[in-house]
Amino acid sequence: MFDRNELLNDGKLKNVRFVKSDNDPLQGDGRNAAGYSSSDQSAQPAQPGQSTGDPHAIGNAHFRTMPERGRMVSRSADFPEVTFSHMTLPATVMDWKREGSTAKMATMIFLLHGHVEISTADNKILKRRPGVFLIPPETGDVVFKTSAPTNELIGVSLSSRLFATILPDYKTYSMMGQNSKLDVVSLQPLLAFVVSACNLNNSQSQMVDTLETVANDVARSLLIACFGQGMSVMPLIERVRKYVAENYTDSALSVTKTAEHENVSVRTVQLALQEADTNFTALVRRARTEAALELRKSQPSLTLVEIGDRCGFGSVSSLRRALKLHEEMEDCSEE
C-alpha cells in the first residue's frame, strides 16, 4: 500500500526520553512522569498442540493462531491523548479485547505491507481503500486476521475527547467518502512520523511539549484526511471564539484552558488571535460585556453584583470598567 522504504527512512527526533512499559500493542497504559512512553514487545508462537482456548497474549491482544516460527514485534509511543504503534506479525488470528480505558479510544489502523481483515461483532468499523480502518470509541472486541507471511501495520489511537473535537459527527462525515480511494501519497509523511516516534530511544526529555503537540497534530491530520470527507474544518480563531462564547461565565477562563480544549499550544492560540487583530483578554471581555448588557436590558432589577457573577466578572469594579470601555467605544463609533 505505502512506500515502505520511504516510511522507514530515519526521522531522528533528539532529546526525548522514552521508557520501557508493558503496554497493549495498540493502546498502552504505561506512561512515565512526562506523560508518555515507548515500549518494545514481541510474542513468540504458541507451542505445537496448544489449544485455541489458551492463546498466547500480550496485554489485551490474544493470539488464536500463529505459525510455529512466527513472531510479532510491536513498538509504541504513548502520549496523554494519542498512542502510536508500529507492528510486524506473521499470518495469524488475533483478538483485541476492548476493555476499560481502551474501549473509549478511537483507533485507526494502516496496512503498510501484507493483508489484514479487521472485524467486530457490532460491525462498527469504518474502512477506506486501500487498507485503512477506523475503530470508533465504544466499539466491542476486535478480530485481526493477517494472511501474508509478513504483515506490517500502524496503529494511531486517540482519546474519546480528542476524537470528538476532530470528528463530532464522524458517522455522517465518514459515510460521504468511505467508498472513495485515498490519496495515500499525502499520508506518507504523517505515517513516517508515527514510525519514527515509535522507534525513539533517546535518554532526555527536553522536547516533551513539542513532540506531544506534533503527535496530536499528526493524529488529527490523519483522521481528517481519512474519515473527515465533507467536513468543513472550522478555523482555529472561530473555534476559540465559539469556546469563549460558550464559557464566558467561567471566571477561571484562560488562554491556557482554551488551548488545552482545542488541543493546541498556547502560542498557537495567541498567533491565531494576533492574525485576527485581537487578543484573548479582549475576546473574553467583549463576550462578558455583551452578556451583561443583555442582562441589564432583560432583567433591570438585577444588581451589578448579580450581573457580574452571572457573566464571569471577578468583581463589580471589573464589570464597571468593561461597561465604561464599551460606552467609550460606542461614543467613538458615533463621532
C-alpha atoms as a PDB file:
ATOM      1  CA  MET A   1       0.000   0.000   0.000  1.00  0.00           C
ATOM      2  CA  PHE A   2       2.532   2.617   1.133  1.00  0.00           C
ATOM      3  CA  ASP A   3       6.168   3.024   0.113  1.00  0.00           C
ATOM      4  CA  ARG A   4       7.774   1.081   2.930  1.00  0.00           C
ATOM      5  CA  ASN A   5      11.306   2.335   2.218  1.00  0.00           C
ATOM      6  CA  GLU A   6      10.217   5.961   2.493  1.00  0.00           C
ATOM      7  CA  LEU A   7       8.285   5.283   5.660  1.00  0.00           C
ATOM      8  CA  LEU A   8      11.242   3.643   7.359  1.00  0.00           C
ATOM      9  CA  ASN A   9      13.779   6.341   6.497  1.00  0.00           C
ATOM     10  CA  ASP A  10      15.430   7.750   9.624  1.00  0.00           C
ATOM     11  CA  GLY A  11      13.491  10.687  11.017  1.00  0.00           C
ATOM     12  CA  LYS A  12      15.564  11.367  14.129  1.00  0.00           C
ATOM     13  CA  LEU A  13      13.995  13.454  16.888  1.00  0.00           C
ATOM     14  CA  LYS A  14      16.515  14.312  19.572  1.00  0.00           C
ATOM     15  CA  ASN A  15      16.309  14.751  23.337  1.00  0.00           C
ATOM     16  CA  VAL A  16      13.090  12.837  24.005  1.00  0.00           C
ATOM     17  CA  ARG A  17      13.076  10.325  26.828  1.00  0.00           C
ATOM     18  CA  PHE A  18      11.196   7.085  26.289  1.00  0.00           C
ATOM     19  CA  VAL A  19      10.960   4.238  28.778  1.00  0.00           C
ATOM     20  CA  LYS A  20      10.040   0.564  28.727  1.00  0.00           C
ATOM     21  CA  SER A  21       6.495  -0.358  29.724  1.00  0.00           C
ATOM     22  CA  ASP A  22       4.190  -3.350  29.481  1.00  0.00           C
ATOM     23  CA  ASN A  23       1.558  -1.937  27.165  1.00  0.00           C
ATOM     24  CA  ASP A  24      -1.198  -3.264  24.984  1.00  0.00           C
ATOM     25  CA  PRO A  25       0.212  -3.397  21.408  1.00  0.00           C
ATOM     26  CA  LEU A  26      -2.476  -0.997  20.228  1.00  0.00           C
ATOM     27  CA  GLN A  27      -3.178   1.125  23.306  1.00  0.00           C
ATOM     28  CA  GLY A  28      -0.657   1.287  26.099  1.00  0.00           C
ATOM     29  CA  ASP A  29      -1.479   2.325  29.637  1.00  0.00           C
ATOM     30  CA  GLY A  30       2.084   2.652  30.991  1.00  0.00           C
ATOM     31  CA  ARG A  31       3.254   6.265  30.946  1.00  0.00           C
ATOM     32  CA  ASN A  32       6.286   7.831  32.537  1.00  0.00           C
ATOM     33  CA  ALA A  33       6.338  11.007  34.581  1.00  0.00           C
ATOM     34  CA  ALA A  34       6.338  13.113  31.423  1.00  0.00           C
ATOM     35  CA  GLY A  35       3.019  11.613  30.370  1.00  0.00           C
ATOM     36  CA  TYR A  36       4.167   9.367  27.556  1.00  0.00           C
ATOM     37  CA  SER A  37       6.325   6.317  26.962  1.00  0.00           C
ATOM     38  CA  SER A  38       7.677   3.987  24.334  1.00  0.00           C
ATOM     39  CA  SER A  39       7.866   0.243  24.548  1.00  0.00           C
ATOM     40  CA  ASP A  40       9.117  -2.850  22.729  1.00  0.00           C
ATOM     41  CA  GLN A  41       7.013  -6.005  22.735  1.00  0.00           C
ATOM     42  CA  SER A  42       7.244  -9.325  20.995  1.00  0.00           C
ATOM     43  CA  ALA A  43       5.206 -12.510  21.005  1.00  0.00           C
ATOM     44  CA  GLN A  44       6.508 -15.988  20.320  1.00  0.00           C
ATOM     45  CA  PRO A  45       4.154 -18.605  18.837  1.00  0.00           C
ATOM     46  CA  ALA A  46       2.181 -20.958  20.990  1.00  0.00           C
ATOM     47  CA  GLN A  47       3.693 -24.402  21.388  1.00  0.00           C
ATOM     48  CA  PRO A  48       2.509 -27.066  18.914  1.00  0.00           C
ATOM     49  CA  GLY A  49      -0.685 -28.624  20.157  1.00  0.00           C
ATOM     50  CA  GLN A  50      -1.658 -25.653  22.304  1.00  0.00           C
ATOM     51  CA  SER A  51      -5.427 -25.206  22.179  1.00  0.00           C
ATOM     52  CA  THR A  52      -7.058 -22.053  20.823  1.00  0.00           C
ATOM     53  CA  GLY A  53      -8.787 -21.744  24.189  1.00  0.00           C
ATOM     54  CA  ASP A  54      -5.410 -20.893  25.734  1.00  0.00           C
ATOM     55  CA  PRO A  55      -3.978 -18.285  23.359  1.00  0.00           C
ATOM     56  CA  HIS A  56      -0.638 -16.579  23.730  1.00  0.00           C
ATOM     57  CA  ALA A  57      -1.197 -12.959  24.672  1.00  0.00           C
ATOM     58  CA  ILE A  58       0.399  -9.551  25.040  1.00  0.00           C
ATOM     59  CA  GLY A  59      -1.656  -7.169  27.146  1.00  0.00           C
ATOM     60  CA  ASN A  60      -5.151  -7.152  25.657  1.00  0.00           C
ATOM     61  CA  ALA A  61      -4.072  -8.949  22.454  1.00  0.00           C
ATOM     62  CA  HIS A  62      -4.808 -12.694  22.458  1.00  0.00           C
ATOM     63  CA  PHE A  63      -3.491 -14.926  19.669  1.00  0.00           C
ATOM     64  CA  ARG A  64      -5.702 -17.760  18.475  1.00  0.00           C
ATOM     65  CA  THR A  65      -3.239 -18.998  15.864  1.00  0.00           C
ATOM     66  CA  MET A  66       0.345 -18.227  14.875  1.00  0.00           C
ATOM     67  CA  PRO A  67       2.899 -20.141  12.774  1.00  0.00           C
ATOM     68  CA  GLU A  68       5.323 -22.274  14.737  1.00  0.00           C
ATOM     69  CA  ARG A  69       8.224 -19.936  13.984  1.00  0.00           C
ATOM     70  CA  GLY A  70       6.137 -16.799  13.759  1.00  0.00           C
ATOM     71  CA  ARG A  71       6.910 -13.723  15.809  1.00  0.00           C
ATOM     72  CA  MET A  72       5.076 -10.471  16.432  1.00  0.00           C
ATOM     73  CA  VAL A  73       7.074  -7.325  17.191  1.00  0.00           C
ATOM     74  CA  SER A  74       5.411  -4.112  18.338  1.00  0.00           C
ATOM     75  CA  ARG A  75       6.811  -0.735  19.324  1.00  0.00           C
ATOM     76  CA  SER A  76       4.631   2.054  20.661  1.00  0.00           C
ATOM     77  CA  ALA A  77       4.860   5.693  21.693  1.00  0.00           C
ATOM     78  CA  ASP A  78       2.242   6.775  24.241  1.00  0.00           C
ATOM     79  CA  PHE A  79       1.161  10.379  24.847  1.00  0.00           C
ATOM     80  CA  PRO A  80      -1.631  11.650  27.130  1.00  0.00           C
ATOM     81  CA  GLU A  81      -4.276  11.563  24.383  1.00  0.00           C
ATOM     82  CA  VAL A  82      -2.583   9.784  21.474  1.00  0.00           C
ATOM     83  CA  THR A  83      -0.863   6.408  21.115  1.00  0.00           C
ATOM     84  CA  PHE A  84       1.207   5.353  18.100  1.00  0.00           C
ATOM     85  CA  SER A  85       2.037   1.701  17.344  1.00  0.00           C
ATOM     86  CA  HIS A  86       4.202   0.054  14.689  1.00  0.00           C
ATOM     87  CA  MET A  87       3.768  -3.722  14.339  1.00  0.00           C
ATOM     88  CA  THR A  88       5.068  -6.582  12.237  1.00  0.00           C
ATOM     89  CA  LEU A  89       3.458 -10.002  12.540  1.00  0.00           C
ATOM     90  CA  PRO A  90       3.048 -13.228  10.552  1.00  0.00           C
ATOM     91  CA  ALA A  91      -0.171 -14.789   9.296  1.00  0.00           C
ATOM     92  CA  THR A  92      -2.220 -15.032  12.460  1.00  0.00           C
ATOM     93  CA  VAL A  93      -5.617 -14.559  14.074  1.00  0.00           C
ATOM     94  CA  MET A  94      -5.597 -12.156  16.997  1.00  0.00           C
ATOM     95  CA  ASP A  95      -8.354 -10.975  19.341  1.00  0.00           C
ATOM     96  CA  TRP A  96      -8.057  -7.466  20.776  1.00  0.00           C
ATOM     97  CA  LYS A  97     -10.042  -7.109  23.994  1.00  0.00           C
ATOM     98  CA  ARG A  98     -11.500  -3.586  24.155  1.00  0.00           C
ATOM     99  CA  GLU A  99     -11.814  -3.131  27.895  1.00  0.00           C
ATOM    100  CA  GLY A 100     -11.666  -0.222  30.342  1.00  0.00           C
ATOM    101  CA  SER A 101     -10.000   2.922  29.015  1.00  0.00           C
ATOM    102  CA  THR A 102      -9.093   1.117  25.781  1.00  0.00           C
ATOM    103  CA  ALA A 103     -12.773   0.803  24.853  1.00  0.00           C
ATOM    104  CA  LYS A 104     -13.134   4.587  24.940  1.00  0.00           C
ATOM    105  CA  MET A 105     -10.324   5.158  22.450  1.00  0.00           C
ATOM    106  CA  ALA A 106     -10.730   5.576  18.697  1.00  0.00           C
ATOM    107  CA  THR A 107      -8.094   3.681  16.705  1.00  0.00           C
ATOM    108  CA  MET A 108      -7.032   3.953  13.078  1.00  0.00           C
ATOM    109  CA  ILE A 109      -5.179   1.022  11.513  1.00  0.00           C
ATOM    110  CA  PHE A 110      -3.000   1.493   8.425  1.00  0.00           C
ATOM    111  CA  LEU A 111      -1.787  -1.517   6.426  1.00  0.00           C
ATOM    112  CA  LEU A 112       1.743  -0.856   5.160  1.00  0.00           C
ATOM    113  CA  HIS A 113       2.531  -4.324   3.860  1.00  0.00           C
ATOM    114  CA  GLY A 114       0.701  -7.651   3.619  1.00  0.00           C
ATOM    115  CA  HIS A 115      -3.015  -8.300   4.056  1.00  0.00           C
ATOM    116  CA  VAL A 116      -5.324  -7.802   7.032  1.00  0.00           C
ATOM    117  CA  GLU A 117      -9.034  -8.224   7.747  1.00  0.00           C
ATOM    118  CA  ILE A 118     -10.448  -6.401  10.790  1.00  0.00           C
ATOM    119  CA  SER A 119     -13.918  -7.075  12.166  1.00  0.00           C
ATOM    120  CA  THR A 120     -16.132  -6.641  15.233  1.00  0.00           C
ATOM    121  CA  ALA A 121     -19.366  -8.287  16.298  1.00  0.00           C
ATOM    122  CA  ASP A 122     -21.185  -4.925  16.199  1.00  0.00           C
ATOM    123  CA  ASN A 123     -19.915  -4.070  12.672  1.00  0.00           C
ATOM    124  CA  LYS A 124     -18.904  -0.530  13.680  1.00  0.00           C
ATOM    125  CA  ILE A 125     -15.567  -0.486  11.864  1.00  0.00           C
ATOM    126  CA  LEU A 126     -15.227   2.039   9.029  1.00  0.00           C
ATOM    127  CA  LYS A 127     -12.920   1.327   6.073  1.00  0.00           C
ATOM    128  CA  ARG A 128     -11.167   3.307   3.382  1.00  0.00           C
ATOM    129  CA  ARG A 129      -9.382   1.848   0.374  1.00  0.00           C
ATOM    130  CA  PRO A 130      -6.607   0.828   0.321  1.00  0.00           C
ATOM    131  CA  GLY A 131      -6.055  -0.634   3.776  1.00  0.00           C
ATOM    132  CA  VAL A 132      -7.210   1.987   6.303  1.00  0.00           C
ATOM    133  CA  PHE A 133      -9.612   1.161   9.145  1.00  0.00           C
ATOM    134  CA  LEU A 134     -11.270   3.200  11.897  1.00  0.00           C
ATOM    135  CA  ILE A 135     -12.375   1.557  15.138  1.00  0.00           C
ATOM    136  CA  PRO A 136     -14.603   4.200  16.821  1.00  0.00           C
ATOM    137  CA  PRO A 137     -14.943   4.689  20.589  1.00  0.00           C
ATOM    138  CA  GLU A 138     -17.200   2.259  22.463  1.00  0.00           C
ATOM    139  CA  THR A 139     -16.593  -0.474  19.881  1.00  0.00           C
ATOM    140  CA  GLY A 140     -16.569  -4.078  21.074  1.00  0.00           C
ATOM    141  CA  ASP A 141     -13.745  -6.626  20.840  1.00  0.00           C
ATOM    142  CA  VAL A 142     -11.848  -6.635  17.548  1.00  0.00           C
ATOM    143  CA  VAL A 143     -10.579  -9.595  15.498  1.00  0.00           C
ATOM    144  CA  PHE A 144      -7.473  -9.204  13.309  1.00  0.00           C
ATOM    145  CA  LYS A 145      -6.740 -11.764  10.577  1.00  0.00           C
ATOM    146  CA  THR A 146      -3.446 -11.361   8.730  1.00  0.00           C
ATOM    147  CA  SER A 147      -2.740 -13.724   5.836  1.00  0.00           C
ATOM    148  CA  ALA A 148       0.612 -12.720   4.285  1.00  0.00           C
ATOM    149  CA  PRO A 149       3.843 -14.303   5.591  1.00  0.00           C
ATOM    150  CA  THR A 150       4.841 -10.852   6.898  1.00  0.00           C
ATOM    151  CA  ASN A 151       2.384  -8.074   7.694  1.00  0.00           C
ATOM    152  CA  GLU A 152       3.210  -4.530   8.776  1.00  0.00           C
ATOM    153  CA  LEU A 153       0.652  -2.261  10.459  1.00  0.00           C
ATOM    154  CA  ILE A 154       0.497   1.169  12.045  1.00  0.00           C
ATOM    155  CA  GLY A 155      -1.985   1.977  14.814  1.00  0.00           C
ATOM    156  CA  VAL A 156      -2.996   5.511  15.802  1.00  0.00           C
ATOM    157  CA  SER A 157      -5.257   5.741  18.860  1.00  0.00           C
ATOM    158  CA  LEU A 158      -6.952   8.916  20.102  1.00  0.00           C
ATOM    159  CA  SER A 159      -8.788   9.649  23.334  1.00  0.00           C
ATOM    160  CA  SER A 160     -12.562   9.948  23.042  1.00  0.00           C
ATOM    161  CA  ARG A 161     -12.293  13.661  23.918  1.00  0.00           C
ATOM    162  CA  LEU A 162      -9.765  14.411  21.192  1.00  0.00           C
ATOM    163  CA  PHE A 163     -11.656  12.269  18.684  1.00  0.00           C
ATOM    164  CA  ALA A 164     -14.901  14.151  19.424  1.00  0.00           C
ATOM    165  CA  THR A 165     -13.257  17.550  18.919  1.00  0.00           C
ATOM    166  CA  ILE A 166     -11.982  16.455  15.483  1.00  0.00           C
ATOM    167  CA  LEU A 167     -14.989  14.495  14.197  1.00  0.00           C
ATOM    168  CA  PRO A 168     -18.003  15.457  16.329  1.00  0.00           C
ATOM    169  CA  ASP A 169     -20.310  13.634  13.912  1.00  0.00           C
ATOM    170  CA  TYR A 170     -17.988  11.086  12.346  1.00  0.00           C
ATOM    171  CA  LYS A 171     -20.827   8.792  11.228  1.00  0.00           C
ATOM    172  CA  THR A 172     -22.224  11.445   8.888  1.00  0.00           C
ATOM    173  CA  TYR A 173     -18.874  12.689   7.643  1.00  0.00           C
ATOM    174  CA  SER A 174     -17.254   9.316   7.087  1.00  0.00           C
ATOM    175  CA  MET A 175     -20.116   7.885   5.044  1.00  0.00           C
ATOM    176  CA  MET A 176     -19.543  10.619   2.460  1.00  0.00           C
ATOM    177  CA  GLY A 177     -16.164   9.289   1.420  1.00  0.00           C
ATOM    178  CA  GLN A 178     -15.935   5.737   2.651  1.00  0.00           C
ATOM    179  CA  ASN A 179     -16.165   4.237  -0.822  1.00  0.00           C
ATOM    180  CA  SER A 180     -13.663   6.595  -2.432  1.00  0.00           C
ATOM    181  CA  LYS A 181      -9.987   5.721  -2.754  1.00  0.00           C
ATOM    182  CA  LEU A 182      -7.497   7.559  -0.566  1.00  0.00           C
ATOM    183  CA  ASP A 183      -4.579   9.598  -1.859  1.00  0.00           C
ATOM    184  CA  VAL A 184      -2.004   7.539   0.034  1.00  0.00           C
ATOM    185  CA  VAL A 185       0.942   9.648  -1.119  1.00  0.00           C
ATOM    186  CA  SER A 186      -0.256  12.566   1.006  1.00  0.00           C
ATOM    187  CA  LEU A 187      -0.360  10.312   4.085  1.00  0.00           C
ATOM    188  CA  GLN A 188       3.228   9.071   3.830  1.00  0.00           C
ATOM    189  CA  PRO A 189       4.940  11.966   5.679  1.00  0.00           C
ATOM    190  CA  LEU A 190       2.444  11.620   8.544  1.00  0.00           C
ATOM    191  CA  LEU A 191       2.919   7.862   8.803  1.00  0.00           C
ATOM    192  CA  ALA A 192       6.690   8.304   8.587  1.00  0.00           C
ATOM    193  CA  PHE A 193       6.480  10.472  11.707  1.00  0.00           C
ATOM    194  CA  VAL A 194       4.488   7.748  13.503  1.00  0.00           C
ATOM    195  CA  VAL A 195       7.119   5.124  12.650  1.00  0.00           C
ATOM    196  CA  SER A 196       9.927   7.430  13.774  1.00  0.00           C
ATOM    197  CA  ALA A 197       8.170   8.230  17.066  1.00  0.00           C
ATOM    198  CA  CYS A 198       7.707   4.531  17.806  1.00  0.00           C
ATOM    199  CA  ASN A 199      11.435   3.933  17.349  1.00  0.00           C
ATOM    200  CA  LEU A 200      12.744   6.726  19.561  1.00  0.00           C
ATOM    201  CA  ASN A 201      15.049   5.649  22.371  1.00  0.00           C
ATOM    202  CA  ASN A 202      16.646   8.914  23.453  1.00  0.00           C
ATOM    203  CA  SER A 203      17.533   9.418  27.099  1.00  0.00           C
ATOM    204  CA  GLN A 204      16.465  13.037  27.696  1.00  0.00           C
ATOM    205  CA  SER A 205      13.088  14.794  27.743  1.00  0.00           C
ATOM    206  CA  GLN A 206      13.655  18.383  26.617  1.00  0.00           C
ATOM    207  CA  MET A 207      11.184  18.167  23.705  1.00  0.00           C
ATOM    208  CA  VAL A 208       8.198  16.658  25.513  1.00  0.00           C
ATOM    209  CA  ASP A 209       5.761  19.523  24.867  1.00  0.00           C
ATOM    210  CA  THR A 210       6.796  19.951  21.233  1.00  0.00           C
ATOM    211  CA  LEU A 211       6.627  16.248  20.470  1.00  0.00           C
ATOM    212  CA  GLU A 212       3.230  15.868  22.131  1.00  0.00           C
ATOM    213  CA  THR A 213       1.822  18.796  20.127  1.00  0.00           C
ATOM    214  CA  VAL A 214       3.169  17.375  16.856  1.00  0.00           C
ATOM    215  CA  ALA A 215       1.842  13.895  17.701  1.00  0.00           C
ATOM    216  CA  ASN A 216      -1.637  15.316  18.324  1.00  0.00           C
ATOM    217  CA  ASP A 217      -1.491  17.310  15.072  1.00  0.00           C
ATOM    218  CA  VAL A 218      -0.413  14.215  13.107  1.00  0.00           C
ATOM    219  CA  ALA A 219      -3.262  12.151  14.587  1.00  0.00           C
ATOM    220  CA  ARG A 220      -5.723  14.959  13.796  1.00  0.00           C
ATOM    221  CA  SER A 221      -4.471  15.261  10.200  1.00  0.00           C
ATOM    222  CA  LEU A 222      -4.666  11.510   9.587  1.00  0.00           C
ATOM    223  CA  LEU A 223      -8.193  11.293  10.984  1.00  0.00           C
ATOM    224  CA  ILE A 224      -9.497  14.199   8.911  1.00  0.00           C
ATOM    225  CA  ALA A 225      -7.714  13.025   5.746  1.00  0.00           C
ATOM    226  CA  CYS A 226      -9.114   9.502   6.012  1.00  0.00           C
ATOM    227  CA  PHE A 227     -12.541   9.920   7.608  1.00  0.00           C
ATOM    228  CA  GLY A 228     -13.431  13.613   7.539  1.00  0.00           C
ATOM    229  CA  GLN A 229     -14.636  13.910   3.946  1.00  0.00           C
ATOM    230  CA  GLY A 230     -17.253  16.598   3.572  1.00  0.00           C
ATOM    231  CA  MET A 231     -16.371  18.144   6.921  1.00  0.00           C
ATOM    232  CA  SER A 232     -15.904  21.885   6.985  1.00  0.00           C
ATOM    233  CA  VAL A 233     -12.976  22.327   9.347  1.00  0.00           C
ATOM    234  CA  MET A 234     -13.610  25.461  11.402  1.00  0.00           C
ATOM    235  CA  PRO A 235     -10.558  27.765  11.571  1.00  0.00           C
ATOM    236  CA  LEU A 236      -8.879  27.904  14.975  1.00  0.00           C
ATOM    237  CA  ILE A 237      -9.842  31.537  15.608  1.00  0.00           C
ATOM    238  CA  GLU A 238     -13.518  30.677  15.075  1.00  0.00           C
ATOM    239  CA  ARG A 239     -13.224  27.675  17.390  1.00  0.00           C
ATOM    240  CA  VAL A 240     -11.653  29.909  20.043  1.00  0.00           C
ATOM    241  CA  ARG A 241     -14.459  32.480  19.677  1.00  0.00           C
ATOM    242  CA  LYS A 242     -17.034  29.700  19.942  1.00  0.00           C
ATOM    243  CA  TYR A 243     -15.391  28.272  23.060  1.00  0.00           C
ATOM    244  CA  VAL A 244     -15.262  31.705  24.707  1.00  0.00           C
ATOM    245  CA  ALA A 245     -18.897  32.396  23.791  1.00  0.00           C
ATOM    246  CA  GLU A 246     -19.911  29.117  25.428  1.00  0.00           C
ATOM    247  CA  ASN A 247     -17.740  29.507  28.547  1.00  0.00           C
ATOM    248  CA  TYR A 248     -17.532  33.250  29.329  1.00  0.00           C
ATOM    249  CA  THR A 249     -19.381  32.660  32.632  1.00  0.00           C
ATOM    250  CA  ASP A 250     -16.354  30.698  33.884  1.00  0.00           C
ATOM    251  CA  SER A 251     -14.364  33.206  35.954  1.00  0.00           C
ATOM    252  CA  ALA A 252     -11.281  30.965  35.502  1.00  0.00           C
ATOM    253  CA  LEU A 253     -11.498  31.020  31.691  1.00  0.00           C
ATOM    254  CA  SER A 254      -7.977  31.491  30.302  1.00  0.00           C
ATOM    255  CA  VAL A 255      -5.953  31.156  27.121  1.00  0.00           C
ATOM    256  CA  THR A 256      -4.273  28.085  28.640  1.00  0.00           C
ATOM    257  CA  LYS A 257      -7.625  26.425  29.323  1.00  0.00           C
ATOM    258  CA  THR A 258      -8.783  27.252  25.789  1.00  0.00           C
ATOM    259  CA  ALA A 259      -5.600  25.872  24.227  1.00  0.00           C
ATOM    260  CA  GLU A 260      -5.998  22.636  26.197  1.00  0.00           C
ATOM    261  CA  HIS A 261      -9.589  22.304  24.974  1.00  0.00           C
ATOM    262  CA  GLU A 262      -8.507  22.816  21.354  1.00  0.00           C
ATOM    263  CA  ASN A 263      -5.526  20.519  21.877  1.00  0.00           C
ATOM    264  CA  VAL A 264      -3.017  23.089  20.619  1.00  0.00           C
ATOM    265  CA  SER A 265      -0.288  25.125  22.283  1.00  0.00           C
ATOM    266  CA  VAL A 266      -0.934  28.476  23.959  1.00  0.00           C
ATOM    267  CA  ARG A 267       1.380  30.063  21.404  1.00  0.00           C
ATOM    268  CA  THR A 268      -0.749  28.680  18.553  1.00  0.00           C
ATOM    269  CA  VAL A 269      -3.883  30.265  20.042  1.00  0.00           C
ATOM    270  CA  GLN A 270      -2.082  33.560  20.570  1.00  0.00           C
ATOM    271  CA  LEU A 271      -0.887  33.627  16.955  1.00  0.00           C
ATOM    272  CA  ALA A 272      -4.423  32.939  15.689  1.00  0.00           C
ATOM    273  CA  LEU A 273      -5.748  35.825  17.811  1.00  0.00           C
ATOM    274  CA  GLN A 274      -2.941  38.084  16.623  1.00  0.00           C
ATOM    275  CA  GLU A 275      -3.768  37.343  12.988  1.00  0.00           C
ATOM    276  CA  ALA A 276      -7.379  38.322  13.751  1.00  0.00           C
ATOM    277  CA  ASP A 277      -6.126  41.615  15.248  1.00  0.00           C
ATOM    278  CA  THR A 278      -7.337  40.827  18.777  1.00  0.00           C
ATOM    279  CA  ASN A 279      -6.189  39.148  21.979  1.00  0.00           C
ATOM    280  CA  PHE A 280      -7.712  36.710  24.451  1.00  0.00           C
ATOM    281  CA  THR A 281      -8.452  39.307  27.129  1.00  0.00           C
ATOM    282  CA  ALA A 282     -10.364  41.477  24.663  1.00  0.00           C
ATOM    283  CA  LEU A 283     -12.274  38.466  23.340  1.00  0.00           C
ATOM    284  CA  VAL A 284     -13.427  37.393  26.799  1.00  0.00           C
ATOM    285  CA  ARG A 285     -14.197  40.948  27.947  1.00  0.00           C
ATOM    286  CA  ARG A 286     -16.376  41.542  24.900  1.00  0.00           C
ATOM    287  CA  ALA A 287     -18.330  38.306  25.419  1.00  0.00           C
ATOM    288  CA  ARG A 288     -18.931  39.100  29.087  1.00  0.00           C
ATOM    289  CA  THR A 289     -19.795  42.726  28.422  1.00  0.00           C
ATOM    290  CA  GLU A 290     -22.347  41.860  25.762  1.00  0.00           C
ATOM    291  CA  ALA A 291     -23.904  39.314  28.132  1.00  0.00           C
ATOM    292  CA  ALA A 292     -24.004  41.900  30.933  1.00  0.00           C
ATOM    293  CA  LEU A 293     -25.679  44.488  28.701  1.00  0.00           C
ATOM    294  CA  GLU A 294     -28.273  41.951  27.665  1.00  0.00           C
ATOM    295  CA  LEU A 295     -28.992  41.082  31.315  1.00  0.00           C
ATOM    296  CA  ARG A 296     -29.377  44.750  32.274  1.00  0.00           C
ATOM    297  CA  LYS A 297     -31.872  45.139  29.460  1.00  0.00           C
ATOM    298  CA  SER A 298     -33.860  41.960  30.049  1.00  0.00           C
ATOM    299  CA  GLN A 299     -33.706  41.941  33.877  1.00  0.00           C
ATOM    300  CA  PRO A 300     -33.325  45.555  35.109  1.00  0.00           C
ATOM    301  CA  SER A 301     -33.945  44.503  38.731  1.00  0.00           C
ATOM    302  CA  LEU A 302     -30.597  42.650  38.918  1.00  0.00           C
ATOM    303  CA  THR A 303     -27.791  44.324  40.864  1.00  0.00           C
ATOM    304  CA  LEU A 304     -24.311  44.800  39.408  1.00  0.00           C
ATOM    305  CA  VAL A 305     -23.040  42.118  41.791  1.00  0.00           C
ATOM    306  CA  GLU A 306     -25.555  39.604  40.430  1.00  0.00           C
ATOM    307  CA  ILE A 307     -24.820  40.551  36.818  1.00  0.00           C
ATOM    308  CA  GLY A 308     -21.076  40.292  37.413  1.00  0.00           C
ATOM    309  CA  ASP A 309     -21.436  36.840  38.970  1.00  0.00           C
ATOM    310  CA  ARG A 310     -23.600  35.553  36.128  1.00  0.00           C
ATOM    311  CA  CYS A 311     -21.294  36.895  33.411  1.00  0.00           C
ATOM    312  CA  GLY A 312     -17.970  35.725  34.829  1.00  0.00           C
ATOM    313  CA  PHE A 313     -16.606  39.051  36.030  1.00  0.00           C
ATOM    314  CA  GLY A 314     -14.353  38.646  39.040  1.00  0.00           C
ATOM    315  CA  SER A 315     -15.593  41.817  40.714  1.00  0.00           C
ATOM    316  CA  VAL A 316     -18.052  44.686  40.360  1.00  0.00           C
ATOM    317  CA  SER A 317     -15.163  47.037  39.578  1.00  0.00           C
ATOM    318  CA  SER A 318     -14.080  44.927  36.604  1.00  0.00           C
ATOM    319  CA  LEU A 319     -17.691  44.899  35.369  1.00  0.00           C
ATOM    320  CA  ARG A 320     -17.889  48.687  35.699  1.00  0.00           C
ATOM    321  CA  ARG A 321     -14.609  49.123  33.791  1.00  0.00           C
ATOM    322  CA  ALA A 322     -15.869  46.867  30.995  1.00  0.00           C
ATOM    323  CA  LEU A 323     -19.166  48.770  30.732  1.00  0.00           C
ATOM    324  CA  LYS A 324     -17.353  52.103  30.731  1.00  0.00           C
ATOM    325  CA  LEU A 325     -14.975  50.933  27.995  1.00  0.00           C
ATOM    326  CA  HIS A 326     -17.943  49.741  25.962  1.00  0.00           C
ATOM    327  CA  GLU A 327     -19.639  53.133  26.286  1.00  0.00           C
ATOM    328  CA  GLU A 328     -16.462  54.949  25.245  1.00  0.00           C
ATOM    329  CA  MET A 329     -16.119  52.745  22.174  1.00  0.00           C
ATOM    330  CA  GLU A 330     -19.766  53.354  21.305  1.00  0.00           C
ATOM    331  CA  ASP A 331     -19.217  57.124  21.587  1.00  0.00           C
ATOM    332  CA  CYS A 332     -16.150  56.917  19.338  1.00  0.00           C
ATOM    333  CA  SER A 333     -18.043  54.989  16.712  1.00  0.00           C
ATOM    334  CA  GLU A 334     -20.799  57.624  16.640  1.00  0.00           C
ATOM    335  CA  GLU A 335     -18.391  60.528  16.066  1.00  0.00           C
END
